[in-house]
């Protein structure tokens, strides 16, 4: 059985706004605080450093292929987003290091968007996945999307379980038995 998750959006955002309206501080259920904001072109080197700290398994789950390094072209696509139908939300530690990414990309004509998350190896287990996915759901709703889905490798049990807890429904992904 293949797995894709989909959920109708109805989310409220309980983060607190910083003085800089482009950045917000989020707090996980484990009391870990981190800042989030939309990716900018100047974030490419930080994003490259971030993906160096993502485990090989999580890179494979994030890109649905055996990616060893994230190349310049892919990084450019992740930072040069239009902020209308596509958004890449970056999470930062206090020192400005990127510690997670949540990419939203969709089709306004269908009202559906896909979300893909990655968290660096040193920040897993702090509740970031839950908090960042909740924030991404809220952002997708702000962008006008009515449905949000995530295509997962069927071996990514942690992500599938988290998404189910958040109201996503697991469904078969036609044409690919690994997803």
Foldseek 3Di string as FASTA:
>chain_A
DFWKWKAFFDADDDWDADPPNQKTWDAFPLRDIWIKGWAAQVCLVLVQVQVVQFDQVLVCFQVVHRDPGQDPVNSNPRRVDPLQQKTKMFIADPVRRTFKIWIWHDDLVVLEIEIGMTGGPVPPPRRCVLGVVSVVSVSSVVSRRRMYMYGGFPPPVVNVVSSVVVPIDIDHDPPDRRD
